[in-house]
Amino acid sequence: MTATRMTRYDRSMLRLMNDGRGRPLYATAARRRLVVAAHLALTAVIGGLMTYFYLAGREPIWAVAAMAVLLLPWMVATGAINGATRGLLELREHALDERQSAERVRVQARAHRAMTLILAAAVAGLLITGAARGDAPVAYVAPALIAVLVVHWLMPLWVAGLMAQDEPCEDDGLLP
């Protein structure tokens, strides 16, 4: 950790992000991948419901109810990923040690590269759709931009969850 004094908020966040009660959710690489996949799927479903609600003229209130129900498992998955990364993206810079700071930079760089590809695909998709139809798909522009914004916001979390390493285990059999 750096020389900057940690505030009470920093200490409480550090304690929260290192709380071991959720460890069974992300103890292995396979479980972390599963949690990230579930988070990604929940994000896609919630986004799809938002798009449906937007394009259907805000009539189907069931979509809002379904989104509200899906937010709870989405928040649990978010917490599990943050726990797996020990708050890599949630803690302030001065609360991280040098290894964590370097890991944060690596995660953000990978997320940036992935996001660039997704943005290029979104632009190409909208341009191709517009060329095929003869006009711009205006109704889909706002939902597409919102989807890209959400992916941009969550990509570092997903990358960090996928890059997280297993905790070192204590080997009781090797005593000096």
N, C-alpha and C. Protein backbone atom coordinates (compact mmCIF):
# COMPACT_ATOMS: atom_id res chain seq x y z
N MET A 1 0.83 -1.18 0.00
CA MET A 1 0.00 0.00 0.00
C MET A 1 0.88 1.24 0.00
N THR A 2 0.31 2.28 -0.54
CA THR A 2 1.09 3.50 -0.65
C THR A 2 1.11 4.24 0.67
N ALA A 3 1.83 5.36 0.70
CA ALA A 3 2.00 6.12 1.93
C ALA A 3 0.75 6.93 2.31
N THR A 4 -0.22 7.04 1.41
CA THR A 4 -1.43 7.78 1.70
C THR A 4 -2.21 7.09 2.82
N ARG A 5 -2.67 7.88 3.77
CA ARG A 5 -3.41 7.31 4.89
C ARG A 5 -4.75 6.77 4.41
N MET A 6 -5.11 5.61 4.94
CA MET A 6 -6.39 5.02 4.57
C MET A 6 -7.48 5.60 5.46
N THR A 7 -8.59 5.95 4.84
CA THR A 7 -9.73 6.48 5.58
C THR A 7 -10.53 5.33 6.16
N ARG A 8 -11.51 5.67 6.97
CA ARG A 8 -12.40 4.64 7.53
C ARG A 8 -13.14 3.92 6.40
N TYR A 9 -13.53 4.68 5.38
CA TYR A 9 -14.19 4.08 4.22
C TYR A 9 -13.26 3.06 3.55
N ASP A 10 -12.00 3.43 3.34
CA ASP A 10 -11.04 2.52 2.71
C ASP A 10 -10.87 1.25 3.53
N ARG A 11 -10.76 1.39 4.84
CA ARG A 11 -10.59 0.21 5.69
C ARG A 11 -11.83 -0.68 5.65
N SER A 12 -13.01 -0.09 5.66
CA SER A 12 -14.23 -0.91 5.63
C SER A 12 -14.39 -1.60 4.28
N MET A 13 -14.05 -0.92 3.18
CA MET A 13 -14.11 -1.54 1.86
C MET A 13 -13.08 -2.66 1.73
N LEU A 14 -11.90 -2.44 2.28
CA LEU A 14 -10.86 -3.47 2.25
C LEU A 14 -11.32 -4.71 3.03
N ARG A 15 -11.93 -4.49 4.17
CA ARG A 15 -12.47 -5.61 4.96
C ARG A 15 -13.57 -6.33 4.19
N LEU A 16 -14.46 -5.58 3.57
CA LEU A 16 -15.57 -6.16 2.81
C LEU A 16 -15.06 -6.97 1.62
N MET A 17 -14.11 -6.43 0.90
CA MET A 17 -13.61 -7.11 -0.29
C MET A 17 -12.76 -8.34 0.05
N ASN A 18 -12.28 -8.43 1.26
CA ASN A 18 -11.49 -9.59 1.68
C ASN A 18 -12.26 -10.51 2.61
N ASP A 19 -13.57 -10.33 2.71
CA ASP A 19 -14.42 -11.17 3.54
C ASP A 19 -14.52 -12.56 2.89
N GLY A 20 -14.23 -13.59 3.65
CA GLY A 20 -14.17 -14.93 3.10
C GLY A 20 -15.48 -15.68 3.06
N ARG A 21 -16.57 -15.08 3.49
CA ARG A 21 -17.84 -15.82 3.53
C ARG A 21 -18.35 -16.21 2.15
N GLY A 22 -18.04 -15.46 1.12
CA GLY A 22 -18.50 -15.81 -0.23
C GLY A 22 -17.51 -16.65 -1.01
N ARG A 23 -16.40 -17.01 -0.38
CA ARG A 23 -15.32 -17.73 -1.07
C ARG A 23 -15.78 -19.00 -1.78
N PRO A 24 -16.74 -19.78 -1.26
CA PRO A 24 -17.16 -20.98 -2.00
C PRO A 24 -17.70 -20.67 -3.41
N LEU A 25 -18.21 -19.47 -3.62
CA LEU A 25 -18.72 -19.10 -4.94
C LEU A 25 -17.63 -18.94 -5.98
N TYR A 26 -16.42 -18.58 -5.54
CA TYR A 26 -15.35 -18.28 -6.50
C TYR A 26 -14.04 -18.94 -6.13
N ALA A 27 -14.08 -20.05 -5.42
CA ALA A 27 -12.86 -20.69 -4.91
C ALA A 27 -11.99 -21.27 -6.03
N THR A 28 -12.59 -21.71 -7.12
CA THR A 28 -11.81 -22.30 -8.21
C THR A 28 -11.99 -21.49 -9.48
N ALA A 29 -11.11 -21.73 -10.43
CA ALA A 29 -11.18 -21.01 -11.71
C ALA A 29 -12.49 -21.34 -12.43
N ALA A 30 -12.92 -22.58 -12.36
CA ALA A 30 -14.18 -22.97 -13.02
C ALA A 30 -15.36 -22.22 -12.41
N ARG A 31 -15.38 -22.10 -11.10
CA ARG A 31 -16.47 -21.37 -10.45
C ARG A 31 -16.43 -19.89 -10.79
N ARG A 32 -15.24 -19.31 -10.88
CA ARG A 32 -15.13 -17.90 -11.26
C ARG A 32 -15.64 -17.69 -12.68
N ARG A 33 -15.27 -18.60 -13.59
CA ARG A 33 -15.77 -18.50 -14.96
C ARG A 33 -17.29 -18.63 -15.00
N LEU A 34 -17.83 -19.52 -14.18
CA LEU A 34 -19.28 -19.70 -14.11
C LEU A 34 -19.97 -18.45 -13.58
N VAL A 35 -19.40 -17.83 -12.55
CA VAL A 35 -19.97 -16.61 -12.00
C VAL A 35 -19.92 -15.48 -13.03
N VAL A 36 -18.80 -15.35 -13.74
CA VAL A 36 -18.69 -14.32 -14.77
C VAL A 36 -19.69 -14.59 -15.89
N ALA A 37 -19.83 -15.85 -16.30
CA ALA A 37 -20.80 -16.20 -17.35
C ALA A 37 -22.23 -15.91 -16.89
N ALA A 38 -22.53 -16.23 -15.63
CA ALA A 38 -23.87 -15.94 -15.10
C ALA A 38 -24.11 -14.44 -15.06
N HIS A 39 -23.11 -13.68 -14.64
CA HIS A 39 -23.23 -12.22 -14.59
C HIS A 39 -23.45 -11.65 -15.99
N LEU A 40 -22.69 -12.15 -16.94
CA LEU A 40 -22.83 -11.71 -18.32
C LEU A 40 -24.22 -12.05 -18.85
N ALA A 41 -24.69 -13.27 -18.58
CA ALA A 41 -26.02 -13.69 -19.05
C ALA A 41 -27.12 -12.85 -18.39
N LEU A 42 -27.02 -12.63 -17.09
CA LEU A 42 -28.01 -11.80 -16.41
C LEU A 42 -28.01 -10.38 -16.95
N THR A 43 -26.83 -9.85 -17.24
CA THR A 43 -26.73 -8.51 -17.82
C THR A 43 -27.41 -8.49 -19.18
N ALA A 44 -27.19 -9.51 -19.99
CA ALA A 44 -27.81 -9.58 -21.32
C ALA A 44 -29.33 -9.69 -21.22
N VAL A 45 -29.82 -10.51 -20.30
CA VAL A 45 -31.27 -10.67 -20.14
C VAL A 45 -31.91 -9.37 -19.65
N ILE A 46 -31.29 -8.74 -18.66
CA ILE A 46 -31.82 -7.47 -18.16
C ILE A 46 -31.80 -6.42 -19.27
N GLY A 47 -30.72 -6.38 -20.03
CA GLY A 47 -30.63 -5.45 -21.17
C GLY A 47 -31.67 -5.75 -22.23
N GLY A 48 -31.90 -7.02 -22.50
CA GLY A 48 -32.93 -7.41 -23.46
C GLY A 48 -34.32 -6.99 -22.99
N LEU A 49 -34.58 -7.17 -21.70
CA LEU A 49 -35.87 -6.75 -21.15
C LEU A 49 -36.04 -5.23 -21.22
N MET A 50 -34.95 -4.51 -20.95
CA MET A 50 -35.01 -3.04 -21.07
C MET A 50 -35.29 -2.62 -22.51
N THR A 51 -34.65 -3.29 -23.45
CA THR A 51 -34.85 -2.97 -24.87
C THR A 51 -36.29 -3.28 -25.27
N TYR A 52 -36.79 -4.43 -24.84
CA TYR A 52 -38.18 -4.80 -25.13
C TYR A 52 -39.13 -3.75 -24.57
N PHE A 53 -38.90 -3.35 -23.34
CA PHE A 53 -39.75 -2.34 -22.70
C PHE A 53 -39.69 -1.02 -23.47
N TYR A 54 -38.50 -0.65 -23.93
CA TYR A 54 -38.33 0.59 -24.68
C TYR A 54 -39.04 0.52 -26.04
N LEU A 55 -38.82 -0.59 -26.76
CA LEU A 55 -39.39 -0.70 -28.11
C LEU A 55 -40.88 -1.01 -28.10
N ALA A 56 -41.40 -1.58 -27.02
CA ALA A 56 -42.83 -1.92 -26.95
C ALA A 56 -43.67 -0.73 -26.48
N GLY A 57 -43.08 0.40 -26.38
CA GLY A 57 -43.84 1.60 -25.99
C GLY A 57 -44.17 1.66 -24.51
N ARG A 58 -43.36 1.06 -23.70
CA ARG A 58 -43.49 1.11 -22.25
C ARG A 58 -44.81 0.54 -21.73
N GLU A 59 -45.43 -0.34 -22.48
CA GLU A 59 -46.69 -0.94 -22.03
C GLU A 59 -46.49 -2.18 -21.17
N PRO A 60 -45.62 -3.11 -21.55
CA PRO A 60 -45.54 -4.37 -20.78
C PRO A 60 -44.81 -4.18 -19.45
N ILE A 61 -45.57 -3.95 -18.41
CA ILE A 61 -45.00 -3.71 -17.08
C ILE A 61 -44.33 -4.98 -16.53
N TRP A 62 -44.68 -6.13 -17.09
CA TRP A 62 -44.06 -7.38 -16.62
C TRP A 62 -42.56 -7.35 -16.85
N ALA A 63 -42.10 -6.64 -17.89
CA ALA A 63 -40.66 -6.56 -18.17
C ALA A 63 -39.94 -5.84 -17.04
N VAL A 64 -40.55 -4.80 -16.49
CA VAL A 64 -39.95 -4.07 -15.38
C VAL A 64 -39.90 -4.96 -14.14
N ALA A 65 -40.97 -5.71 -13.90
CA ALA A 65 -41.00 -6.62 -12.74
C ALA A 65 -39.93 -7.70 -12.89
N ALA A 66 -39.76 -8.23 -14.09
CA ALA A 66 -38.74 -9.26 -14.31
C ALA A 66 -37.34 -8.68 -14.11
N MET A 67 -37.12 -7.45 -14.57
CA MET A 67 -35.82 -6.81 -14.36
C MET A 67 -35.54 -6.64 -12.87
N ALA A 68 -36.55 -6.23 -12.12
CA ALA A 68 -36.37 -6.03 -10.67
C ALA A 68 -36.02 -7.34 -9.99
N VAL A 69 -36.64 -8.43 -10.41
CA VAL A 69 -36.35 -9.74 -9.81
C VAL A 69 -34.94 -10.20 -10.17
N LEU A 70 -34.52 -9.94 -11.41
CA LEU A 70 -33.19 -10.38 -11.85
C LEU A 70 -32.05 -9.54 -11.27
N LEU A 71 -32.36 -8.37 -10.75
CA LEU A 71 -31.31 -7.53 -10.18
C LEU A 71 -30.65 -8.16 -8.95
N LEU A 72 -31.41 -8.92 -8.15
CA LEU A 72 -30.82 -9.53 -6.95
C LEU A 72 -29.73 -10.54 -7.31
N PRO A 73 -30.00 -11.53 -8.18
CA PRO A 73 -28.88 -12.44 -8.52
C PRO A 73 -27.75 -11.71 -9.26
N TRP A 74 -28.08 -10.66 -10.01
CA TRP A 74 -27.04 -9.88 -10.68
C TRP A 74 -26.12 -9.22 -9.66
N MET A 75 -26.70 -8.68 -8.59
CA MET A 75 -25.90 -8.05 -7.54
C MET A 75 -25.06 -9.07 -6.79
N VAL A 76 -25.61 -10.27 -6.55
CA VAL A 76 -24.84 -11.32 -5.89
C VAL A 76 -23.66 -11.73 -6.76
N ALA A 77 -23.88 -11.87 -8.06
CA ALA A 77 -22.79 -12.23 -8.97
C ALA A 77 -21.73 -11.12 -9.00
N THR A 78 -22.17 -9.87 -8.99
CA THR A 78 -21.23 -8.75 -8.96
C THR A 78 -20.38 -8.82 -7.70
N GLY A 79 -21.00 -9.07 -6.57
CA GLY A 79 -20.27 -9.20 -5.32
C GLY A 79 -19.29 -10.36 -5.33
N ALA A 80 -19.70 -11.47 -5.94
CA ALA A 80 -18.81 -12.64 -6.02
C ALA A 80 -17.58 -12.32 -6.87
N ILE A 81 -17.78 -11.61 -7.97
CA ILE A 81 -16.62 -11.25 -8.81
C ILE A 81 -15.72 -10.28 -8.07
N ASN A 82 -16.31 -9.31 -7.39
CA ASN A 82 -15.50 -8.38 -6.61
C ASN A 82 -14.75 -9.09 -5.49
N GLY A 83 -15.38 -10.09 -4.88
CA GLY A 83 -14.70 -10.87 -3.85
C GLY A 83 -13.57 -11.70 -4.43
N ALA A 84 -13.79 -12.26 -5.62
CA ALA A 84 -12.76 -13.09 -6.26
C ALA A 84 -11.53 -12.25 -6.61
N THR A 85 -11.75 -11.00 -6.95
CA THR A 85 -10.64 -10.13 -7.31
C THR A 85 -10.14 -9.33 -6.12
N ARG A 86 -10.74 -9.56 -4.97
CA ARG A 86 -10.39 -8.85 -3.73
C ARG A 86 -10.51 -7.33 -3.89
N GLY A 87 -11.55 -6.93 -4.65
CA GLY A 87 -11.82 -5.51 -4.80
C GLY A 87 -10.87 -4.78 -5.72
N LEU A 88 -10.27 -5.50 -6.63
CA LEU A 88 -9.27 -4.92 -7.52
C LEU A 88 -9.76 -3.63 -8.19
N LEU A 89 -11.02 -3.62 -8.62
CA LEU A 89 -11.55 -2.46 -9.33
C LEU A 89 -12.37 -1.54 -8.43
N GLU A 90 -12.72 -2.01 -7.24
CA GLU A 90 -13.58 -1.24 -6.36
C GLU A 90 -12.81 -0.42 -5.33
N LEU A 91 -11.64 -0.91 -4.95
CA LEU A 91 -10.85 -0.20 -3.94
C LEU A 91 -10.13 0.99 -4.57
N ARG A 92 -9.89 1.99 -3.78
CA ARG A 92 -9.13 3.14 -4.26
C ARG A 92 -7.68 2.73 -4.46
N GLU A 93 -7.01 3.46 -5.32
CA GLU A 93 -5.63 3.13 -5.68
C GLU A 93 -4.71 3.02 -4.46
N HIS A 94 -4.85 3.92 -3.50
CA HIS A 94 -3.94 3.90 -2.36
C HIS A 94 -4.23 2.74 -1.40
N ALA A 95 -5.35 2.02 -1.60
CA ALA A 95 -5.65 0.86 -0.77
C ALA A 95 -5.08 -0.43 -1.38
N LEU A 96 -4.51 -0.34 -2.57
CA LEU A 96 -3.95 -1.51 -3.24
C LEU A 96 -2.45 -1.58 -3.04
N ASP A 97 -1.91 -2.80 -3.02
CA ASP A 97 -0.46 -2.92 -2.98
C ASP A 97 0.08 -2.85 -4.42
N GLU A 98 1.39 -2.94 -4.59
CA GLU A 98 2.00 -2.77 -5.90
C GLU A 98 1.55 -3.85 -6.88
N ARG A 99 1.44 -5.09 -6.41
CA ARG A 99 1.00 -6.18 -7.27
C ARG A 99 -0.42 -5.94 -7.76
N GLN A 100 -1.31 -5.52 -6.86
CA GLN A 100 -2.69 -5.26 -7.22
C GLN A 100 -2.80 -4.07 -8.19
N SER A 101 -2.00 -3.04 -7.97
CA SER A 101 -2.00 -1.89 -8.88
C SER A 101 -1.59 -2.31 -10.28
N ALA A 102 -0.55 -3.13 -10.38
CA ALA A 102 -0.10 -3.61 -11.68
C ALA A 102 -1.18 -4.50 -12.32
N GLU A 103 -1.83 -5.33 -11.51
CA GLU A 103 -2.90 -6.19 -12.02
C GLU A 103 -4.08 -5.35 -12.52
N ARG A 104 -4.40 -4.28 -11.82
CA ARG A 104 -5.48 -3.39 -12.24
C ARG A 104 -5.17 -2.79 -13.61
N VAL A 105 -3.92 -2.39 -13.82
CA VAL A 105 -3.53 -1.82 -15.11
C VAL A 105 -3.66 -2.87 -16.21
N ARG A 106 -3.23 -4.11 -15.94
CA ARG A 106 -3.35 -5.18 -16.93
C ARG A 106 -4.81 -5.46 -17.27
N VAL A 107 -5.66 -5.52 -16.25
CA VAL A 107 -7.09 -5.78 -16.46
C VAL A 107 -7.71 -4.66 -17.30
N GLN A 108 -7.41 -3.42 -16.97
CA GLN A 108 -7.98 -2.30 -17.70
C GLN A 108 -7.49 -2.28 -19.15
N ALA A 109 -6.24 -2.65 -19.38
CA ALA A 109 -5.72 -2.69 -20.75
C ALA A 109 -6.42 -3.77 -21.57
N ARG A 110 -6.60 -4.96 -20.99
CA ARG A 110 -7.31 -6.02 -21.72
C ARG A 110 -8.76 -5.65 -21.97
N ALA A 111 -9.40 -5.06 -20.98
CA ALA A 111 -10.79 -4.65 -21.14
C ALA A 111 -10.91 -3.59 -22.23
N HIS A 112 -9.95 -2.68 -22.29
CA HIS A 112 -9.95 -1.65 -23.31
C HIS A 112 -9.83 -2.26 -24.70
N ARG A 113 -8.92 -3.23 -24.86
CA ARG A 113 -8.77 -3.87 -26.16
C ARG A 113 -10.04 -4.62 -26.56
N ALA A 114 -10.64 -5.34 -25.62
CA ALA A 114 -11.88 -6.07 -25.92
C ALA A 114 -13.00 -5.10 -26.27
N MET A 115 -13.08 -4.00 -25.55
CA MET A 115 -14.13 -3.02 -25.79
C MET A 115 -13.96 -2.36 -27.15
N THR A 116 -12.75 -2.15 -27.59
CA THR A 116 -12.51 -1.58 -28.92
C THR A 116 -13.07 -2.50 -29.99
N LEU A 117 -12.86 -3.80 -29.84
CA LEU A 117 -13.41 -4.76 -30.81
C LEU A 117 -14.94 -4.76 -30.78
N ILE A 118 -15.53 -4.69 -29.59
CA ILE A 118 -16.99 -4.68 -29.48
C ILE A 118 -17.57 -3.41 -30.09
N LEU A 119 -16.93 -2.28 -29.85
CA LEU A 119 -17.40 -1.03 -30.45
C LEU A 119 -17.31 -1.09 -31.97
N ALA A 120 -16.24 -1.62 -32.50
CA ALA A 120 -16.10 -1.77 -33.94
C ALA A 120 -17.18 -2.67 -34.51
N ALA A 121 -17.49 -3.76 -33.81
CA ALA A 121 -18.54 -4.67 -34.26
C ALA A 121 -19.91 -4.00 -34.20
N ALA A 122 -20.17 -3.21 -33.16
CA ALA A 122 -21.45 -2.51 -33.06
C ALA A 122 -21.61 -1.50 -34.18
N VAL A 123 -20.58 -0.73 -34.45
CA VAL A 123 -20.64 0.26 -35.54
C VAL A 123 -20.83 -0.45 -36.88
N ALA A 124 -20.06 -1.51 -37.11
CA ALA A 124 -20.20 -2.25 -38.37
C ALA A 124 -21.60 -2.84 -38.50
N GLY A 125 -22.13 -3.37 -37.41
CA GLY A 125 -23.47 -3.94 -37.45
C GLY A 125 -24.53 -2.91 -37.79
N LEU A 126 -24.44 -1.74 -37.17
CA LEU A 126 -25.41 -0.68 -37.48
C LEU A 126 -25.25 -0.19 -38.91
N LEU A 127 -24.02 -0.05 -39.38
CA LEU A 127 -23.80 0.40 -40.76
C LEU A 127 -24.29 -0.63 -41.77
N ILE A 128 -24.01 -1.90 -41.53
CA ILE A 128 -24.45 -2.95 -42.44
C ILE A 128 -25.98 -3.05 -42.46
N THR A 129 -26.59 -2.97 -41.28
CA THR A 129 -28.05 -3.02 -41.20
C THR A 129 -28.65 -1.83 -41.93
N GLY A 130 -28.07 -0.66 -41.75
CA GLY A 130 -28.57 0.52 -42.45
C GLY A 130 -28.42 0.41 -43.96
N ALA A 131 -27.30 -0.15 -44.41
CA ALA A 131 -27.08 -0.31 -45.85
C ALA A 131 -28.03 -1.34 -46.45
N ALA A 132 -28.30 -2.41 -45.72
CA ALA A 132 -29.20 -3.45 -46.22
C ALA A 132 -30.64 -2.97 -46.29
N ARG A 133 -31.05 -2.15 -45.34
CA ARG A 133 -32.43 -1.65 -45.31
C ARG A 133 -32.60 -0.38 -46.13
N GLY A 134 -31.52 0.27 -46.43
CA GLY A 134 -31.60 1.50 -47.19
C GLY A 134 -31.75 2.74 -46.32
N ASP A 135 -31.86 2.55 -45.03
CA ASP A 135 -31.92 3.69 -44.10
C ASP A 135 -31.34 3.25 -42.77
N ALA A 136 -31.09 4.20 -41.92
CA ALA A 136 -30.50 3.90 -40.61
C ALA A 136 -31.56 3.27 -39.70
N PRO A 137 -31.18 2.23 -38.96
CA PRO A 137 -32.13 1.60 -38.02
C PRO A 137 -32.30 2.46 -36.76
N VAL A 138 -33.05 3.53 -36.88
CA VAL A 138 -33.17 4.53 -35.83
C VAL A 138 -33.70 3.95 -34.53
N ALA A 139 -34.66 3.04 -34.62
CA ALA A 139 -35.27 2.50 -33.41
C ALA A 139 -34.27 1.72 -32.56
N TYR A 140 -33.24 1.18 -33.19
CA TYR A 140 -32.28 0.35 -32.47
C TYR A 140 -31.04 1.09 -32.02
N VAL A 141 -30.89 2.33 -32.40
CA VAL A 141 -29.68 3.08 -32.07
C VAL A 141 -29.57 3.31 -30.56
N ALA A 142 -30.63 3.80 -29.93
CA ALA A 142 -30.58 4.07 -28.49
C ALA A 142 -30.33 2.80 -27.68
N PRO A 143 -31.08 1.70 -27.93
CA PRO A 143 -30.76 0.47 -27.17
C PRO A 143 -29.35 -0.05 -27.44
N ALA A 144 -28.88 0.08 -28.67
CA ALA A 144 -27.52 -0.38 -28.98
C ALA A 144 -26.48 0.46 -28.25
N LEU A 145 -26.68 1.76 -28.22
CA LEU A 145 -25.74 2.62 -27.50
C LEU A 145 -25.75 2.34 -26.01
N ILE A 146 -26.92 2.11 -25.45
CA ILE A 146 -27.02 1.78 -24.02
C ILE A 146 -26.33 0.44 -23.75
N ALA A 147 -26.55 -0.54 -24.63
CA ALA A 147 -25.90 -1.84 -24.45
C ALA A 147 -24.38 -1.72 -24.50
N VAL A 148 -23.89 -0.92 -25.44
CA VAL A 148 -22.43 -0.74 -25.54
C VAL A 148 -21.90 -0.02 -24.30
N LEU A 149 -22.65 0.95 -23.80
CA LEU A 149 -22.23 1.65 -22.58
C LEU A 149 -22.17 0.69 -21.39
N VAL A 150 -23.17 -0.17 -21.25
CA VAL A 150 -23.18 -1.14 -20.14
C VAL A 150 -22.02 -2.11 -20.27
N VAL A 151 -21.77 -2.59 -21.47
CA VAL A 151 -20.64 -3.51 -21.67
C VAL A 151 -19.32 -2.80 -21.37
N HIS A 152 -19.21 -1.54 -21.79
CA HIS A 152 -18.01 -0.76 -21.50
C HIS A 152 -17.81 -0.62 -19.99
N TRP A 153 -18.89 -0.42 -19.25
CA TRP A 153 -18.83 -0.25 -17.80
C TRP A 153 -18.46 -1.56 -17.11
N LEU A 154 -18.97 -2.69 -17.61
CA LEU A 154 -18.77 -3.97 -16.93
C LEU A 154 -17.59 -4.79 -17.46
N MET A 155 -17.07 -4.46 -18.60
CA MET A 155 -15.97 -5.25 -19.19
C MET A 155 -14.78 -5.40 -18.24
N PRO A 156 -14.30 -4.34 -17.57
CA PRO A 156 -13.19 -4.55 -16.65
C PRO A 156 -13.52 -5.55 -15.53
N LEU A 157 -14.75 -5.54 -15.04
CA LEU A 157 -15.16 -6.49 -14.00
C LEU A 157 -15.11 -7.92 -14.53
N TRP A 158 -15.64 -8.13 -15.73
CA TRP A 158 -15.63 -9.47 -16.32
C TRP A 158 -14.20 -9.94 -16.58
N VAL A 159 -13.37 -9.07 -17.11
CA VAL A 159 -11.98 -9.44 -17.39
C VAL A 159 -11.25 -9.75 -16.08
N ALA A 160 -11.47 -8.92 -15.06
CA ALA A 160 -10.82 -9.17 -13.77
C ALA A 160 -11.28 -10.49 -13.18
N GLY A 161 -12.56 -10.81 -13.30
CA GLY A 161 -13.06 -12.08 -12.80
C GLY A 161 -12.46 -13.27 -13.52
N LEU A 162 -12.25 -13.13 -14.82
CA LEU A 162 -11.65 -14.22 -15.59
C LEU A 162 -10.16 -14.34 -15.35
N MET A 163 -9.50 -13.23 -15.03
CA MET A 163 -8.05 -13.25 -14.81
C MET A 163 -7.66 -13.57 -13.36
N ALA A 164 -8.63 -13.58 -12.45
CA ALA A 164 -8.32 -13.81 -11.03
C ALA A 164 -7.66 -15.18 -10.85
N GLN A 165 -6.68 -15.22 -9.98
CA GLN A 165 -5.93 -16.46 -9.71
C GLN A 165 -6.48 -17.13 -8.47
N ASP A 166 -6.25 -18.45 -8.37
CA ASP A 166 -6.63 -19.21 -7.18
C ASP A 166 -5.84 -18.71 -5.98
N GLU A 167 -6.47 -18.75 -4.84
CA GLU A 167 -5.78 -18.41 -3.60
C GLU A 167 -4.74 -19.48 -3.30
N PRO A 168 -3.57 -19.10 -2.80
CA PRO A 168 -2.60 -20.13 -2.43
C PRO A 168 -3.14 -20.95 -1.27
N CYS A 169 -3.02 -22.26 -1.40
CA CYS A 169 -3.53 -23.12 -0.33
C CYS A 169 -2.40 -23.45 0.63
N GLU A 170 -2.79 -23.63 1.87
CA GLU A 170 -1.82 -24.01 2.90
C GLU A 170 -1.62 -25.51 2.83
N ASP A 171 -0.40 -25.93 2.68
CA ASP A 171 -0.08 -27.36 2.59
C ASP A 171 0.37 -27.85 3.95
N ASP A 172 -0.55 -28.53 4.62
CA ASP A 172 -0.26 -29.00 5.98
C ASP A 172 0.76 -30.13 6.01
N GLY A 173 0.94 -30.82 4.87
CA GLY A 173 1.83 -31.96 4.84
C GLY A 173 3.31 -31.59 4.81
N LEU A 174 3.65 -30.37 4.50
CA LEU A 174 5.05 -29.95 4.40
C LEU A 174 5.43 -29.12 5.60
N LEU A 175 5.81 -29.77 6.65
CA LEU A 175 6.29 -29.07 7.84
C LEU A 175 7.80 -29.09 7.86
N PRO A 176 8.45 -28.01 8.25
CA PRO A 176 9.93 -27.98 8.23
C PRO A 176 10.55 -28.89 9.25
